[in-house]
Amino acid sequence: MQLSVIILNYNVRYFLEQCVLSVQEAIGKLDAEIIVIDNNSTDDSCLMMQERFPLVKLIQNKENFGFPKGNNIGVFEAKGKYICILNPDTVVAEDTFAKILAFAEGQNNYGIIGCKLIDGTGSFLPESKRGVPTPWVAFTKIFGLYKAFPNWKLFNQYYAQHINENETGKVEILVGAFMFMQRDFYLELGGFDEDCFMYADDIDLSYRALQKQKSNYYFHETTVIHYKGESTVKDEKYMNRFQEAMNFFYQKHFKKSWFFTFFIKIGIVLFSFIKMFQGKPKTKSAPETYIFYSSNEILSEKLPSILKNKVRFFDFKKEKMVNSCLVLRAGKTEIILDNQYVSFKKCIKIIETLKDKNITFKIFPKNSNFIIGSDSRNDRGQIIKIE
């Protein structure tokens, strides 16, 4: 078998359904399998998988083993020469794996390959490519020096800013939302460290690949949506977890850094101080205009009552998406993309191309009963049921 796609799920039933659907489309012409590991979810993730994807291998853990062990269980069961560790809150294009496979087979001595990730608003996710977070590099990240001096090598290493987001090249650290490699190499590394704290497992695996004298690559020629979630909210809890992750990494691979410990304590105090004065988050305003990009006229008639607002219907066979939307950029607009008629690759392209603070996006996955998306990388997204 050529490829095994490993998806570890925990209580994201609707994102998982969309993810598996997109992966199925992407492996249709490949000798590949999907393995879903569920870490004892309390929603109906497993029931959904059994009913909608009965041929997909489903492993149901009786407890939440965490990210490292859950993925290790999946890789152990995999039969592919290559594996891809994939988050359930992602959407891949129909040609994502074909492109990654072609790139991998053209490289010598590679370790792990990542790809270009965007959030649900179309914005590039800088963690797609990173440098080794030495104490100094972590310091530049915590205090935002990489933003203030993006062209200075001294400050721009955390997010590997020496490589443009639209440029393929060698990087040191990749993100666990999408990691592609040979299964034998994963096993040679011993998989993810099951003693790892949150935020450090992908850093640790990437770094151990470098220690094996391998080259890790950021591959920009395919784009994947990663909706992210609440764990990205930059508050005191986030800072404490970041400190735990970095301490784990330093204790395993370097000497314990008192420099880092001291400055991250300052960072925690700073973030807490800012949060205290920010108050409650602002209520999000509803879109002024909804655009339904489809050929489903029956559903277009139902959506106004579901969304409690007017919906402008554009038949994808008759209208040009970009031109239609540019006319309506004044005011807050939400674009709903019907995957029955618009491929995942086209959905991703539209979201990436039309990214704008006044435009939000949702996808209506084919043969489903919900619309899904995210207006911010700092929340878990929104699901609208279609009854």
Protein backbone atom coordinates (compact mmCIF):
# COMPACT_ATOMS: atom_id res chain seq x y z
CA MET A 1 0.00 0.00 0.00
CA GLN A 2 1.22 3.49 -0.89
CA LEU A 3 -0.25 5.75 1.82
CA SER A 4 -1.97 5.66 5.20
CA VAL A 5 -3.69 8.82 6.44
CA ILE A 6 -3.85 8.87 10.26
CA ILE A 7 -6.57 11.05 11.83
CA LEU A 8 -6.81 11.31 15.61
CA ASN A 9 -10.20 12.56 16.78
CA TYR A 10 -11.55 13.89 20.04
CA ASN A 11 -15.03 15.41 20.16
CA VAL A 12 -15.02 17.19 16.79
CA ARG A 13 -17.62 15.06 15.04
CA TYR A 14 -18.61 17.52 12.27
CA PHE A 15 -15.06 18.62 11.49
CA LEU A 16 -14.07 14.95 11.37
CA GLU A 17 -16.84 14.15 8.90
CA GLN A 18 -15.74 16.94 6.57
CA CYS A 19 -12.07 15.97 6.96
CA VAL A 20 -12.63 12.29 6.13
CA LEU A 21 -14.80 13.26 3.17
CA SER A 22 -12.03 15.48 1.79
CA VAL A 23 -9.39 12.78 2.36
CA GLN A 24 -11.55 10.20 0.57
CA GLU A 25 -11.70 12.50 -2.44
CA ALA A 26 -7.92 13.00 -2.28
CA ILE A 27 -6.97 9.31 -2.18
CA GLY A 28 -9.49 8.14 -4.76
CA LYS A 29 -6.83 7.33 -7.36
CA LEU A 30 -4.17 6.18 -4.89
CA ASP A 31 -3.51 2.87 -3.18
CA ALA A 32 -4.28 4.32 0.22
CA GLU A 33 -6.23 3.92 3.44
CA ILE A 34 -7.70 6.14 6.14
CA ILE A 35 -7.31 5.24 9.81
CA VAL A 36 -9.36 7.18 12.35
CA ILE A 37 -8.43 6.83 16.01
CA ASP A 38 -11.01 8.13 18.46
CA ASN A 39 -9.74 9.12 21.92
CA ASN A 40 -12.96 8.23 23.79
CA SER A 41 -15.09 11.08 22.41
CA THR A 42 -18.37 11.81 24.16
CA ASP A 43 -20.10 13.10 21.02
CA ASP A 44 -21.34 10.75 18.29
CA SER A 45 -18.08 10.78 16.31
CA CYS A 46 -17.79 6.99 16.25
CA LEU A 47 -21.45 6.44 15.34
CA MET A 48 -21.06 8.91 12.49
CA MET A 49 -17.96 7.10 11.23
CA GLN A 50 -19.69 3.71 11.37
CA GLU A 51 -22.76 4.98 9.52
CA ARG A 52 -21.20 7.26 6.93
CA PHE A 53 -17.75 5.70 6.43
CA PRO A 54 -18.17 1.99 7.20
CA LEU A 55 -15.11 1.02 5.13
CA VAL A 56 -12.76 3.36 6.99
CA LYS A 57 -10.72 1.67 9.72
CA LEU A 58 -11.91 3.01 13.07
CA ILE A 59 -10.00 2.45 16.32
CA GLN A 60 -12.00 3.31 19.44
CA ASN A 61 -9.82 3.97 22.48
CA LYS A 62 -11.49 3.46 25.85
CA GLU A 63 -9.80 6.55 27.28
CA ASN A 64 -8.22 9.76 26.03
CA PHE A 65 -4.59 8.74 25.49
CA GLY A 66 -3.56 12.16 24.20
CA PHE A 67 -2.08 13.20 20.85
CA PRO A 68 1.23 11.26 20.88
CA LYS A 69 -0.06 7.84 21.97
CA GLY A 70 -3.23 8.10 19.90
CA ASN A 71 -1.24 8.70 16.71
CA ASN A 72 1.28 6.00 17.61
CA ILE A 73 -1.59 3.51 17.86
CA GLY A 74 -2.78 4.53 14.40
CA VAL A 75 0.64 4.29 12.78
CA PHE A 76 1.18 0.83 14.29
CA GLU A 77 -1.93 -0.35 12.41
CA ALA A 78 -0.99 1.43 9.16
CA LYS A 79 -0.02 -0.55 6.06
CA GLY A 80 1.18 2.27 3.81
CA LYS A 81 4.78 2.93 2.82
CA TYR A 82 4.03 6.58 3.61
CA ILE A 83 1.94 8.03 6.41
CA CYS A 84 0.34 11.41 6.91
CA ILE A 85 -0.50 12.58 10.42
CA LEU A 86 -3.58 14.78 9.88
CA ASN A 87 -5.73 16.78 12.30
CA PRO A 88 -9.49 16.16 12.11
CA ASP A 89 -10.19 19.90 11.81
CA THR A 90 -8.54 20.09 8.40
CA VAL A 91 -9.69 20.07 4.78
CA VAL A 92 -7.36 18.76 2.07
CA ALA A 93 -7.58 19.36 -1.67
CA GLU A 94 -8.30 16.54 -4.10
CA ASP A 95 -4.69 16.57 -5.33
CA THR A 96 -2.94 17.22 -1.98
CA PHE A 97 -1.54 13.73 -1.47
CA ALA A 98 -0.67 13.17 -5.13
CA LYS A 99 1.43 16.35 -5.05
CA ILE A 100 3.08 15.51 -1.74
CA LEU A 101 3.91 11.98 -2.90
CA ALA A 102 5.44 13.26 -6.14
CA PHE A 103 7.54 15.78 -4.20
CA ALA A 104 8.68 13.19 -1.65
CA GLU A 105 9.75 10.71 -4.30
CA GLY A 106 11.90 13.40 -5.89
CA GLN A 107 13.86 14.14 -2.70
CA ASN A 108 16.89 12.46 -1.21
CA ASN A 109 17.39 12.03 2.53
CA TYR A 110 14.23 13.83 3.58
CA GLY A 111 12.65 13.39 6.99
CA ILE A 112 9.24 15.03 7.37
CA ILE A 113 7.26 17.10 4.87
CA GLY A 114 4.67 19.72 5.79
CA CYS A 115 2.47 21.90 3.61
CA LYS A 116 0.91 25.34 3.47
CA LEU A 117 -1.84 25.73 6.06
CA ILE A 118 -4.49 28.44 6.17
CA ASP A 119 -7.22 29.06 8.72
CA GLY A 120 -10.94 29.24 8.00
CA THR A 121 -10.67 32.89 6.97
CA GLY A 122 -7.98 32.19 4.36
CA SER A 123 -5.09 33.62 6.38
CA PHE A 124 -1.74 31.83 6.28
CA LEU A 125 -0.82 29.96 9.47
CA PRO A 126 2.83 30.77 10.25
CA GLU A 127 3.33 27.58 12.28
CA SER A 128 3.31 25.74 8.93
CA LYS A 129 7.10 26.28 9.02
CA ARG A 130 9.23 26.96 12.09
CA GLY A 131 12.75 26.93 13.45
CA VAL A 132 14.13 25.08 16.45
CA PRO A 133 12.79 26.99 19.51
CA THR A 134 16.03 27.59 21.37
CA PRO A 135 15.60 29.83 24.44
CA TRP A 136 16.46 32.90 22.38
CA VAL A 137 14.12 31.95 19.52
CA ALA A 138 11.30 31.27 21.99
CA PHE A 139 11.98 34.65 23.59
CA THR A 140 11.60 36.42 20.24
CA LYS A 141 8.28 34.66 19.76
CA ILE A 142 6.84 35.41 23.21
CA PHE A 143 7.64 39.12 22.96
CA GLY A 144 6.71 39.49 19.29
CA LEU A 145 10.18 40.49 18.10
CA TYR A 146 9.68 38.37 14.97
CA LYS A 147 6.86 40.75 13.98
CA ALA A 148 8.84 43.90 14.71
CA PHE A 149 11.94 42.74 12.80
CA PRO A 150 10.73 40.22 10.17
CA ASN A 151 13.80 40.70 7.95
CA TRP A 152 16.39 40.31 10.71
CA LYS A 153 17.72 36.77 10.96
CA LEU A 154 18.38 37.34 14.67
CA PHE A 155 14.65 37.71 15.30
CA ASN A 156 12.81 35.85 12.51
CA GLN A 157 13.74 32.23 13.17
CA TYR A 158 10.68 31.00 15.12
CA TYR A 159 8.42 31.04 12.07
CA ALA A 160 11.23 30.34 9.57
CA GLN A 161 10.70 33.70 7.90
CA HIS A 162 13.73 33.14 5.69
CA ILE A 163 11.33 31.16 3.48
CA ASN A 164 8.27 32.86 2.03
CA GLU A 165 4.89 31.16 2.53
CA ASN A 166 4.74 30.65 -1.25
CA GLU A 167 8.19 29.09 -1.49
CA THR A 168 9.19 25.46 -0.95
CA GLY A 169 12.33 24.80 1.04
CA LYS A 170 14.09 23.21 3.98
CA VAL A 171 12.85 24.12 7.45
CA GLU A 172 13.57 22.68 10.87
CA ILE A 173 10.20 22.27 12.59
CA LEU A 174 6.79 21.31 11.17
CA VAL A 175 3.35 21.32 12.75
CA GLY A 176 1.49 18.18 13.86
CA ALA A 177 -1.68 19.15 11.97
CA PHE A 178 -0.04 17.81 8.77
CA MET A 179 3.13 15.71 8.83
CA PHE A 180 4.03 13.43 5.91
CA MET A 181 6.85 10.89 6.05
CA GLN A 182 7.76 7.26 5.43
CA ARG A 183 6.23 4.91 7.98
CA ASP A 184 9.55 3.12 8.53
CA PHE A 185 11.19 6.43 9.39
CA TYR A 186 8.43 7.26 11.88
CA LEU A 187 9.00 3.90 13.55
CA GLU A 188 12.77 4.44 13.48
CA LEU A 189 12.21 7.68 15.39
CA GLY A 190 10.02 5.84 17.89
CA GLY A 191 6.98 7.90 16.92
CA PHE A 192 5.70 10.76 19.04
CA ASP A 193 7.09 10.89 22.58
CA GLU A 194 4.21 9.76 24.79
CA ASP A 195 5.68 11.65 27.76
CA CYS A 196 5.36 14.90 25.83
CA PHE A 197 3.29 17.86 26.96
CA MET A 198 0.93 19.77 24.68
CA TYR A 199 2.58 21.90 21.98
CA ALA A 200 5.91 20.03 22.01
CA ASP A 201 5.19 16.66 20.38
CA ASP A 202 5.57 17.91 16.79
CA ILE A 203 8.60 20.04 17.72
CA ASP A 204 10.25 17.03 19.33
CA LEU A 205 9.55 14.68 16.39
CA SER A 206 10.80 17.24 13.87
CA TYR A 207 13.97 17.83 15.88
CA ARG A 208 14.69 14.11 16.18
CA ALA A 209 14.41 13.87 12.39
CA LEU A 210 17.12 16.55 12.15
CA GLN A 211 19.26 14.57 14.59
CA LYS A 212 19.10 11.67 12.13
CA GLN A 213 20.73 14.00 9.58
CA LYS A 214 17.50 14.26 7.61
CA SER A 215 16.08 17.38 5.97
CA ASN A 216 12.55 18.52 6.78
CA TYR A 217 10.64 20.37 4.07
CA TYR A 218 7.90 22.95 3.84
CA PHE A 219 5.97 22.30 0.59
CA HIS A 220 3.90 25.26 -0.59
CA GLU A 221 2.32 23.78 -3.72
CA THR A 222 -0.75 22.44 -1.91
CA THR A 223 -2.86 24.32 0.62
CA VAL A 224 -4.81 22.73 3.47
CA ILE A 225 -7.38 24.42 5.72
CA HIS A 226 -6.71 24.02 9.44
CA TYR A 227 -9.54 25.48 11.47
CA LYS A 228 -7.56 25.33 14.74
CA GLY A 229 -9.49 25.95 17.96
CA GLU A 230 -9.68 27.26 21.48
CA SER A 231 -6.16 26.11 22.34
CA THR A 232 -4.80 28.98 20.28
CA VAL A 233 -6.28 31.69 22.50
CA LYS A 234 -3.31 33.64 23.83
CA ASP A 235 -4.08 33.80 27.56
CA GLU A 236 -2.37 32.79 30.79
CA LYS A 237 -3.36 29.14 30.31
CA TYR A 238 -1.79 29.15 26.85
CA MET A 239 1.40 30.71 28.21
CA ASN A 240 1.68 28.10 30.96
CA ARG A 241 1.24 25.28 28.44
CA PHE A 242 3.82 26.89 26.17
CA GLN A 243 6.25 27.02 29.09
CA GLU A 244 5.60 23.34 29.92
CA ALA A 245 6.20 22.38 26.29
CA MET A 246 9.45 24.31 26.01
CA ASN A 247 10.69 23.00 29.36
CA PHE A 248 10.03 19.45 28.17
CA PHE A 249 11.91 20.10 24.95
CA TYR A 250 14.89 21.74 26.68
CA GLN A 251 15.16 19.06 29.36
CA LYS A 252 15.13 16.34 26.70
CA HIS A 253 17.50 17.89 24.17
CA PHE A 254 19.34 20.76 25.86
CA LYS A 255 20.27 21.99 29.28
CA LYS A 256 17.46 23.51 31.31
CA SER A 257 17.21 27.16 30.37
CA TRP A 258 16.90 29.59 33.28
CA PHE A 259 16.94 32.37 30.68
CA PHE A 260 13.77 31.05 29.09
CA THR A 261 12.08 30.29 32.42
CA PHE A 262 12.69 33.82 33.67
CA PHE A 263 11.42 35.59 30.58
CA ILE A 264 8.37 33.39 30.09
CA LYS A 265 7.33 34.22 33.68
CA ILE A 266 7.48 37.87 32.66
CA GLY A 267 5.43 36.98 29.56
CA ILE A 268 2.74 35.26 31.67
CA VAL A 269 2.43 38.32 33.91
CA LEU A 270 2.27 40.58 30.83
CA PHE A 271 -0.45 38.52 29.15
CA SER A 272 -2.47 38.32 32.38
CA PHE A 273 -2.21 42.10 32.77
CA ILE A 274 -3.42 42.69 29.20
CA LYS A 275 -6.29 40.22 29.59
CA MET A 276 -7.42 41.95 32.78
CA PHE A 277 -7.98 45.18 30.87
CA GLN A 278 -9.43 43.63 27.74
CA GLY A 279 -12.66 42.60 29.44
CA LYS A 280 -15.15 40.28 27.82
CA PRO A 281 -14.70 39.45 24.12
CA LYS A 282 -16.84 41.47 21.74
CA THR A 283 -19.99 39.87 20.37
CA LYS A 284 -19.56 38.93 16.73
CA SER A 285 -21.92 40.69 14.37
CA ALA A 286 -23.98 38.63 11.96
CA PRO A 287 -23.22 38.94 8.24
CA GLU A 288 -25.19 41.57 6.37
CA THR A 289 -25.20 39.45 3.21
CA TYR A 290 -25.11 35.69 2.62
CA ILE A 291 -23.97 34.31 -0.73
CA PHE A 292 -24.81 30.67 -1.54
CA TYR A 293 -22.56 29.36 -4.31
CA SER A 294 -24.31 26.26 -5.64
CA SER A 295 -26.71 24.88 -8.21
CA ASN A 296 -29.14 23.59 -5.58
CA GLU A 297 -32.12 25.88 -6.05
CA ILE A 298 -34.28 23.98 -3.54
CA LEU A 299 -31.76 24.48 -0.73
CA SER A 300 -31.25 28.10 -1.74
CA GLU A 301 -34.94 28.63 -1.00
CA LYS A 302 -34.63 27.02 2.46
CA LEU A 303 -31.50 28.85 3.60
CA PRO A 304 -33.12 32.27 4.31
CA SER A 305 -35.33 30.74 7.01
CA ILE A 306 -32.42 28.73 8.46
CA LEU A 307 -30.02 31.68 8.51
CA LYS A 308 -32.79 34.19 9.32
CA ASN A 309 -31.49 36.50 6.65
CA LYS A 310 -31.62 37.09 2.93
CA VAL A 311 -29.42 34.82 0.83
CA ARG A 312 -28.14 35.71 -2.62
CA PHE A 313 -27.97 32.60 -4.78
CA PHE A 314 -25.28 32.28 -7.45
CA ASP A 315 -25.45 29.31 -9.79
CA PHE A 316 -21.88 28.09 -10.15
CA LYS A 317 -22.61 27.03 -13.74
CA LYS A 318 -23.62 30.55 -14.74
CA GLU A 319 -21.73 32.94 -12.45
CA LYS A 320 -18.06 33.66 -12.00
CA MET A 321 -17.41 33.43 -8.27
CA VAL A 322 -14.69 36.04 -7.92
CA ASN A 323 -16.46 38.68 -10.00
CA SER A 324 -19.76 38.14 -8.23
CA CYS A 325 -18.23 38.51 -4.80
CA LEU A 326 -16.07 41.50 -5.50
CA VAL A 327 -19.22 43.49 -6.24
CA LEU A 328 -20.48 42.71 -2.74
CA ARG A 329 -17.37 43.37 -0.69
CA ALA A 330 -18.94 46.41 0.95
CA GLY A 331 -20.32 45.28 4.32
CA LYS A 332 -19.92 41.99 6.14
CA THR A 333 -20.51 39.05 3.80
CA GLU A 334 -20.58 35.30 4.35
CA ILE A 335 -19.93 32.96 1.43
CA ILE A 336 -21.35 29.43 1.62
CA LEU A 337 -19.71 26.97 -0.78
CA ASP A 338 -21.70 23.90 -1.77
CA ASN A 339 -19.21 21.04 -2.00
CA GLN A 340 -21.68 19.03 -4.08
CA TYR A 341 -20.79 21.37 -6.94
CA VAL A 342 -17.56 23.02 -5.77
CA SER A 343 -14.54 20.76 -5.19
CA PHE A 344 -12.59 21.01 -1.95
CA LYS A 345 -9.63 22.32 -3.95
CA LYS A 346 -11.82 25.08 -5.39
CA CYS A 347 -13.26 25.85 -1.94
CA ILE A 348 -9.75 26.25 -0.54
CA LYS A 349 -8.70 28.42 -3.49
CA ILE A 350 -11.72 30.69 -3.11
CA ILE A 351 -11.19 31.10 0.64
CA GLU A 352 -7.50 31.85 0.17
CA THR A 353 -8.07 34.24 -2.72
CA LEU A 354 -10.96 36.22 -1.25
CA LYS A 355 -9.64 36.51 2.32
CA ASP A 356 -10.84 39.78 3.77
CA LYS A 357 -11.84 40.98 7.25
CA ASN A 358 -15.37 41.59 5.96
CA ILE A 359 -15.81 38.16 4.37
CA THR A 360 -16.36 34.88 6.22
CA PHE A 361 -16.69 31.42 4.71
CA LYS A 362 -18.61 28.21 5.30
CA ILE A 363 -18.58 24.92 3.42
CA PHE A 364 -21.61 22.71 2.87
CA PRO A 365 -19.96 19.25 2.56
CA LYS A 366 -21.53 16.98 -0.03
CA ASN A 367 -24.21 14.55 1.17
CA SER A 368 -24.23 16.11 4.64
CA ASN A 369 -26.78 18.01 6.71
CA PHE A 370 -24.66 20.86 8.04
CA ILE A 371 -22.72 23.94 7.04
CA ILE A 372 -19.33 24.36 8.71
CA GLY A 373 -16.53 26.88 9.02
CA SER A 374 -14.68 29.27 11.30
CA ASP A 375 -14.60 33.05 11.44
CA SER A 376 -11.47 33.13 13.62
CA ARG A 377 -8.48 30.91 14.33
CA ASN A 378 -9.17 31.52 18.04
CA ASP A 379 -12.46 29.62 18.23
CA ARG A 380 -13.61 26.12 17.44
CA GLY A 381 -15.75 27.16 14.53
CA GLN A 382 -19.45 27.16 13.77
CA ILE A 383 -21.82 24.41 12.63
CA ILE A 384 -25.24 25.20 11.18
CA LYS A 385 -27.62 22.24 10.89
CA ILE A 386 -29.66 21.87 7.71
CA GLU A 387 -32.85 20.01 8.58
